[in-house]
All heavy atoms as atom14 arrays in JSON, in Angstrom:
{
  "sequence": "KETDTLYDDQYTSRKVITSTTYQYEGQHLQPS",
  "atom14_mask": [
    [1, 1, 1, 1, 1, 1, 1, 1, 1, 0, 0, 0, 0, 0],
    [1, 1, 1, 1, 1, 1, 1, 1, 1, 0, 0, 0, 0, 0],
    [1, 1, 1, 1, 1, 1, 1, 0, 0, 0, 0, 0, 0, 0],
    [1, 1, 1, 1, 1, 1, 1, 1, 0, 0, 0, 0, 0, 0],
    [1, 1, 1, 1, 1, 1, 1, 0, 0, 0, 0, 0, 0, 0],
    [1, 1, 1, 1, 1, 1, 1, 1, 0, 0, 0, 0, 0, 0],
    [1, 1, 1, 1, 1, 1, 1, 1, 1, 1, 1, 1, 0, 0],
    [1, 1, 1, 1, 1, 1, 1, 1, 0, 0, 0, 0, 0, 0],
    [1, 1, 1, 1, 1, 1, 1, 1, 0, 0, 0, 0, 0, 0],
    [1, 1, 1, 1, 1, 1, 1, 1, 1, 0, 0, 0, 0, 0],
    [1, 1, 1, 1, 1, 1, 1, 1, 1, 1, 1, 1, 0, 0],
    [1, 1, 1, 1, 1, 1, 1, 0, 0, 0, 0, 0, 0, 0],
    [1, 1, 1, 1, 1, 1, 0, 0, 0, 0, 0, 0, 0, 0],
    [1, 1, 1, 1, 1, 1, 1, 1, 1, 1, 1, 0, 0, 0],
    [1, 1, 1, 1, 1, 1, 1, 1, 1, 0, 0, 0, 0, 0],
    [1, 1, 1, 1, 1, 1, 1, 0, 0, 0, 0, 0, 0, 0],
    [1, 1, 1, 1, 1, 1, 1, 1, 0, 0, 0, 0, 0, 0],
    [1, 1, 1, 1, 1, 1, 1, 0, 0, 0, 0, 0, 0, 0],
    [1, 1, 1, 1, 1, 1, 0, 0, 0, 0, 0, 0, 0, 0],
    [1, 1, 1, 1, 1, 1, 1, 0, 0, 0, 0, 0, 0, 0],
    [1, 1, 1, 1, 1, 1, 1, 0, 0, 0, 0, 0, 0, 0],
    [1, 1, 1, 1, 1, 1, 1, 1, 1, 1, 1, 1, 0, 0],
    [1, 1, 1, 1, 1, 1, 1, 1, 1, 0, 0, 0, 0, 0],
    [1, 1, 1, 1, 1, 1, 1, 1, 1, 1, 1, 1, 0, 0],
    [1, 1, 1, 1, 1, 1, 1, 1, 1, 0, 0, 0, 0, 0],
    [1, 1, 1, 1, 0, 0, 0, 0, 0, 0, 0, 0, 0, 0],
    [1, 1, 1, 1, 1, 1, 1, 1, 1, 0, 0, 0, 0, 0],
    [1, 1, 1, 1, 1, 1, 1, 1, 1, 1, 0, 0, 0, 0],
    [1, 1, 1, 1, 1, 1, 1, 1, 0, 0, 0, 0, 0, 0],
    [1, 1, 1, 1, 1, 1, 1, 1, 1, 0, 0, 0, 0, 0],
    [1, 1, 1, 1, 1, 1, 1, 0, 0, 0, 0, 0, 0, 0],
    [1, 1, 1, 1, 1, 1, 0, 0, 0, 0, 0, 0, 0, 0]
  ],
  "atom14_positions": [
    [[200.19, 73.06, 116.2], [200.91, 72.13, 117.05], [200.58, 70.69, 116.65], [199.44, 70.36, 116.36], [200.54, 72.31, 118.55], [201.37, 71.43, 119.47], [201.05, 71.76, 120.94], [201.9, 70.94, 121.89], [201.6, 71.23, 123.31], [0.0, 0.0, 0.0], [0.0, 0.0, 0.0], [0.0, 0.0, 0.0], [0.0, 0.0, 0.0], [0.0, 0.0, 0.0]],
    [[201.6, 69.87, 116.59], [201.45, 68.44, 116.32], [202.22, 67.65, 117.38], [203.38, 67.91, 117.64], [201.99, 68.08, 114.94], [201.93, 66.6, 114.61], [202.51, 66.28, 113.25], [202.59, 67.21, 112.41], [202.88, 65.11, 113.02], [0.0, 0.0, 0.0], [0.0, 0.0, 0.0], [0.0, 0.0, 0.0], [0.0, 0.0, 0.0], [0.0, 0.0, 0.0]],
    [[201.53, 66.7, 118.01], [202.15, 65.85, 119.03], [202.16, 64.42, 118.51], [201.1, 63.83, 118.27], [201.39, 65.95, 120.36], [201.32, 67.31, 120.79], [202.08, 65.12, 121.43], [0.0, 0.0, 0.0], [0.0, 0.0, 0.0], [0.0, 0.0, 0.0], [0.0, 0.0, 0.0], [0.0, 0.0, 0.0], [0.0, 0.0, 0.0], [0.0, 0.0, 0.0]],
    [[203.35, 63.87, 118.38], [203.54, 62.49, 117.89], [203.93, 61.61, 119.06], [204.87, 61.91, 119.81], [204.62, 62.44, 116.81], [204.22, 63.24, 115.58], [203.02, 63.34, 115.29], [205.13, 63.76, 114.92], [0.0, 0.0, 0.0], [0.0, 0.0, 0.0], [0.0, 0.0, 0.0], [0.0, 0.0, 0.0], [0.0, 0.0, 0.0], [0.0, 0.0, 0.0]],
    [[203.24, 60.49, 119.19], [203.52, 59.52, 120.26], [203.82, 58.16, 119.67], [203.05, 57.67, 118.84], [202.34, 59.41, 121.23], [202.0, 60.7, 121.78], [202.65, 58.45, 122.36], [0.0, 0.0, 0.0], [0.0, 0.0, 0.0], [0.0, 0.0, 0.0], [0.0, 0.0, 0.0], [0.0, 0.0, 0.0], [0.0, 0.0, 0.0], [0.0, 0.0, 0.0]],
    [[204.97, 57.59, 120.04], [205.35, 56.25, 119.6], [205.4, 55.35, 120.83], [206.13, 55.63, 121.81], [206.74, 56.31, 118.93], [207.27, 55.02, 118.36], [206.39, 54.52, 117.21], [208.72, 55.2, 117.88], [0.0, 0.0, 0.0], [0.0, 0.0, 0.0], [0.0, 0.0, 0.0], [0.0, 0.0, 0.0], [0.0, 0.0, 0.0], [0.0, 0.0, 0.0]],
    [[204.59, 54.28, 120.78], [204.46, 53.41, 121.94], [205.46, 52.26, 121.88], [205.81, 51.76, 120.81], [203.04, 52.85, 122.0], [202.01, 53.89, 122.24], [201.38, 54.53, 121.16], [201.62, 54.3, 123.52], [200.41, 55.5, 121.36], [200.67, 55.28, 123.73], [200.06, 55.86, 122.65], [199.14, 56.84, 122.83], [0.0, 0.0, 0.0], [0.0, 0.0, 0.0]],
    [[205.92, 51.83, 123.06], [206.79, 50.67, 123.16], [206.07, 49.43, 122.67], [204.88, 49.27, 122.92], [207.26, 50.49, 124.61], [208.27, 49.35, 124.74], [207.83, 48.19, 124.94], [209.49, 49.63, 124.68], [0.0, 0.0, 0.0], [0.0, 0.0, 0.0], [0.0, 0.0, 0.0], [0.0, 0.0, 0.0], [0.0, 0.0, 0.0], [0.0, 0.0, 0.0]],
    [[206.79, 48.54, 121.99], [206.16, 47.37, 121.38], [205.6, 46.41, 122.42], [204.66, 45.7, 122.18], [207.22, 46.64, 120.51], [206.56, 45.56, 119.67], [205.57, 45.85, 118.96], [207.05, 44.4, 119.72], [0.0, 0.0, 0.0], [0.0, 0.0, 0.0], [0.0, 0.0, 0.0], [0.0, 0.0, 0.0], [0.0, 0.0, 0.0], [0.0, 0.0, 0.0]],
    [[206.19, 46.4, 123.63], [205.76, 45.48, 124.67], [204.98, 46.15, 125.78], [204.05, 45.57, 126.33], [206.99, 44.77, 125.26], [207.79, 43.94, 124.26], [206.99, 42.79, 123.68], [206.17, 42.18, 124.4], [207.19, 42.49, 122.41], [0.0, 0.0, 0.0], [0.0, 0.0, 0.0], [0.0, 0.0, 0.0], [0.0, 0.0, 0.0], [0.0, 0.0, 0.0]],
    [[205.36, 47.37, 126.13], [204.75, 48.06, 127.25], [204.22, 49.42, 126.76], [205.0, 50.37, 126.58], [205.73, 48.28, 128.4], [206.38, 46.99, 128.89], [207.62, 46.6, 128.42], [205.68, 46.16, 129.79], [208.19, 45.42, 128.85], [206.26, 44.98, 130.22], [207.48, 44.61, 129.77], [208.07, 43.44, 130.19], [0.0, 0.0, 0.0], [0.0, 0.0, 0.0]],
    [[202.91, 49.53, 126.54], [202.36, 50.72, 125.96], [202.44, 51.92, 126.91], [202.24, 53.04, 126.48], [200.89, 50.49, 125.57], [200.14, 50.05, 126.7], [200.8, 49.45, 124.47], [0.0, 0.0, 0.0], [0.0, 0.0, 0.0], [0.0, 0.0, 0.0], [0.0, 0.0, 0.0], [0.0, 0.0, 0.0], [0.0, 0.0, 0.0], [0.0, 0.0, 0.0]],
    [[202.7, 51.66, 128.21], [202.88, 52.79, 129.12], [204.19, 53.5, 128.85], [204.37, 54.64, 129.28], [202.81, 52.3, 130.58], [203.83, 51.33, 130.8], [0.0, 0.0, 0.0], [0.0, 0.0, 0.0], [0.0, 0.0, 0.0], [0.0, 0.0, 0.0], [0.0, 0.0, 0.0], [0.0, 0.0, 0.0], [0.0, 0.0, 0.0], [0.0, 0.0, 0.0]],
    [[205.1, 52.84, 128.15], [206.35, 53.47, 127.78], [206.19, 54.07, 126.36], [205.78, 53.36, 125.44], [207.48, 52.44, 127.74], [207.74, 51.77, 129.09], [208.82, 50.71, 128.93], [209.05, 49.98, 130.18], [209.88, 48.93, 130.3], [210.55, 48.51, 129.21], [210.04, 48.34, 131.45], [0.0, 0.0, 0.0], [0.0, 0.0, 0.0], [0.0, 0.0, 0.0]],
    [[206.49, 55.3, 126.25], [206.29, 55.97, 124.97], [207.24, 57.13, 124.8], [207.75, 57.69, 125.77], [204.84, 56.45, 124.87], [204.35, 57.25, 126.07], [202.84, 57.39, 126.04], [202.36, 58.05, 127.34], [200.89, 58.13, 127.37], [0.0, 0.0, 0.0], [0.0, 0.0, 0.0], [0.0, 0.0, 0.0], [0.0, 0.0, 0.0], [0.0, 0.0, 0.0]],
    [[207.48, 57.44, 123.53], [208.3, 58.57, 123.17], [207.38, 59.64, 122.56], [206.65, 59.35, 121.59], [209.39, 58.16, 122.15], [210.2, 59.38, 121.71], [210.32, 57.1, 122.77], [0.0, 0.0, 0.0], [0.0, 0.0, 0.0], [0.0, 0.0, 0.0], [0.0, 0.0, 0.0], [0.0, 0.0, 0.0], [0.0, 0.0, 0.0], [0.0, 0.0, 0.0]],
    [[207.42, 60.83, 123.11], [206.53, 61.91, 122.67], [207.37, 63.04, 122.07], [208.33, 63.5, 122.67], [205.68, 62.44, 123.85], [204.83, 61.34, 124.42], [204.82, 63.62, 123.38], [204.04, 61.76, 125.63], [0.0, 0.0, 0.0], [0.0, 0.0, 0.0], [0.0, 0.0, 0.0], [0.0, 0.0, 0.0], [0.0, 0.0, 0.0], [0.0, 0.0, 0.0]],
    [[206.99, 63.43, 120.88], [207.63, 64.56, 120.18], [206.58, 65.61, 119.85], [205.52, 65.28, 119.31], [208.32, 64.07, 118.9], [209.27, 63.07, 119.19], [209.02, 65.24, 118.19], [0.0, 0.0, 0.0], [0.0, 0.0, 0.0], [0.0, 0.0, 0.0], [0.0, 0.0, 0.0], [0.0, 0.0, 0.0], [0.0, 0.0, 0.0], [0.0, 0.0, 0.0]],
    [[206.87, 66.84, 120.2], [205.93, 67.92, 120.01], [206.52, 68.95, 119.06], [207.65, 69.39, 119.25], [205.57, 68.55, 121.36], [204.74, 69.7, 121.16], [0.0, 0.0, 0.0], [0.0, 0.0, 0.0], [0.0, 0.0, 0.0], [0.0, 0.0, 0.0], [0.0, 0.0, 0.0], [0.0, 0.0, 0.0], [0.0, 0.0, 0.0], [0.0, 0.0, 0.0]],
    [[205.75, 69.36, 118.05], [206.19, 70.37, 117.09], [205.18, 71.49, 117.03], [203.98, 71.24, 116.84], [206.38, 69.76, 115.68], [207.32, 68.69, 115.74], [206.9, 70.82, 114.71], [0.0, 0.0, 0.0], [0.0, 0.0, 0.0], [0.0, 0.0, 0.0], [0.0, 0.0, 0.0], [0.0, 0.0, 0.0], [0.0, 0.0, 0.0], [0.0, 0.0, 0.0]],
    [[205.63, 72.73, 117.19], [204.78, 73.9, 117.08], [205.18, 74.66, 115.82], [206.35, 74.65, 115.38], [204.9, 74.81, 118.3], [206.26, 75.19, 118.48], [204.42, 74.1, 119.54], [0.0, 0.0, 0.0], [0.0, 0.0, 0.0], [0.0, 0.0, 0.0], [0.0, 0.0, 0.0], [0.0, 0.0, 0.0], [0.0, 0.0, 0.0], [0.0, 0.0, 0.0]],
    [[204.2, 75.36, 115.22], [204.38, 76.04, 113.96], [204.0, 77.51, 114.1], [202.99, 77.84, 114.73], [203.57, 75.4, 112.84], [203.91, 73.93, 112.61], [203.24, 72.94, 113.29], [204.91, 73.54, 111.72], [203.52, 71.58, 113.08], [205.22, 72.23, 111.5], [204.52, 71.26, 112.19], [204.79, 69.92, 111.98], [0.0, 0.0, 0.0], [0.0, 0.0, 0.0]],
    [[204.81, 78.37, 113.46], [204.49, 79.79, 113.37], [204.32, 80.15, 111.89], [204.91, 79.49, 111.0], [205.61, 80.64, 113.99], [205.88, 80.33, 115.44], [204.76, 80.79, 116.34], [204.08, 81.79, 116.06], [204.54, 80.07, 117.46], [0.0, 0.0, 0.0], [0.0, 0.0, 0.0], [0.0, 0.0, 0.0], [0.0, 0.0, 0.0], [0.0, 0.0, 0.0]],
    [[203.56, 81.23, 111.6], [203.26, 81.6, 110.23], [203.51, 83.1, 110.02], [203.24, 83.89, 110.94], [201.82, 81.25, 109.86], [201.53, 79.78, 109.93], [201.16, 79.21, 111.13], [201.65, 78.98, 108.82], [200.92, 77.84, 111.23], [201.39, 77.6, 108.9], [201.03, 77.03, 110.09], [200.82, 75.68, 110.18], [0.0, 0.0, 0.0], [0.0, 0.0, 0.0]],
    [[204.01, 83.44, 108.83], [204.15, 84.87, 108.53], [202.78, 85.43, 108.17], [201.88, 84.68, 107.75], [205.17, 85.08, 107.39], [204.98, 84.27, 106.13], [203.9, 84.83, 105.26], [203.71, 86.07, 105.26], [203.22, 84.07, 104.54], [0.0, 0.0, 0.0], [0.0, 0.0, 0.0], [0.0, 0.0, 0.0], [0.0, 0.0, 0.0], [0.0, 0.0, 0.0]],
    [[202.59, 86.72, 108.3], [201.27, 87.29, 108.23], [200.78, 87.66, 106.86], [199.59, 87.89, 106.67], [0.0, 0.0, 0.0], [0.0, 0.0, 0.0], [0.0, 0.0, 0.0], [0.0, 0.0, 0.0], [0.0, 0.0, 0.0], [0.0, 0.0, 0.0], [0.0, 0.0, 0.0], [0.0, 0.0, 0.0], [0.0, 0.0, 0.0], [0.0, 0.0, 0.0]],
    [[201.67, 87.68, 105.84], [201.23, 88.18, 104.53], [200.49, 87.1, 103.74], [199.41, 87.36, 103.21], [202.46, 88.67, 103.73], [202.08, 89.31, 102.4], [203.31, 89.88, 101.69], [204.43, 89.82, 102.21], [203.11, 90.44, 100.52], [0.0, 0.0, 0.0], [0.0, 0.0, 0.0], [0.0, 0.0, 0.0], [0.0, 0.0, 0.0], [0.0, 0.0, 0.0]],
    [[201.06, 85.9, 103.66], [200.45, 84.84, 102.89], [200.21, 83.57, 103.72], [199.89, 82.51, 103.17], [201.32, 84.48, 101.68], [201.45, 85.59, 100.67], [200.41, 85.99, 99.88], [202.48, 86.41, 100.39], [200.8, 86.98, 99.1], [202.03, 87.27, 99.39], [0.0, 0.0, 0.0], [0.0, 0.0, 0.0], [0.0, 0.0, 0.0], [0.0, 0.0, 0.0]],
    [[200.46, 83.66, 105.02], [200.26, 82.55, 105.97], [201.1, 81.33, 105.6], [200.65, 80.19, 105.75], [198.76, 82.15, 106.03], [197.82, 83.25, 106.56], [196.41, 82.73, 106.66], [198.29, 83.78, 107.9], [0.0, 0.0, 0.0], [0.0, 0.0, 0.0], [0.0, 0.0, 0.0], [0.0, 0.0, 0.0], [0.0, 0.0, 0.0], [0.0, 0.0, 0.0]],
    [[202.32, 81.56, 105.12], [203.25, 80.48, 104.93], [203.98, 80.18, 106.25], [204.18, 81.09, 107.04], [204.27, 80.83, 103.84], [203.66, 81.07, 102.47], [203.11, 79.81, 101.86], [203.42, 78.7, 102.26], [202.25, 79.96, 100.86], [0.0, 0.0, 0.0], [0.0, 0.0, 0.0], [0.0, 0.0, 0.0], [0.0, 0.0, 0.0], [0.0, 0.0, 0.0]],
    [[204.39, 78.93, 106.48], [205.12, 78.62, 107.73], [206.41, 79.45, 107.82], [207.21, 79.48, 106.88], [205.43, 77.12, 107.61], [204.41, 76.6, 106.63], [204.17, 77.73, 105.65], [0.0, 0.0, 0.0], [0.0, 0.0, 0.0], [0.0, 0.0, 0.0], [0.0, 0.0, 0.0], [0.0, 0.0, 0.0], [0.0, 0.0, 0.0], [0.0, 0.0, 0.0]],
    [[206.61, 80.11, 108.92], [207.82, 80.9, 109.11], [208.82, 80.19, 110.03], [210.01, 80.42, 109.93], [207.5, 82.27, 109.73], [206.81, 82.13, 110.97], [0.0, 0.0, 0.0], [0.0, 0.0, 0.0], [0.0, 0.0, 0.0], [0.0, 0.0, 0.0], [0.0, 0.0, 0.0], [0.0, 0.0, 0.0], [0.0, 0.0, 0.0], [0.0, 0.0, 0.0]]
  ]
}
């Protein structure tokens, strides 16, 4: 999981949050 947060230039309480989760195949552990 990776969570990216981008803060507003003037008000840091305002932010854009993007969350990415990753799954992997079981043979060689490549991202599936």
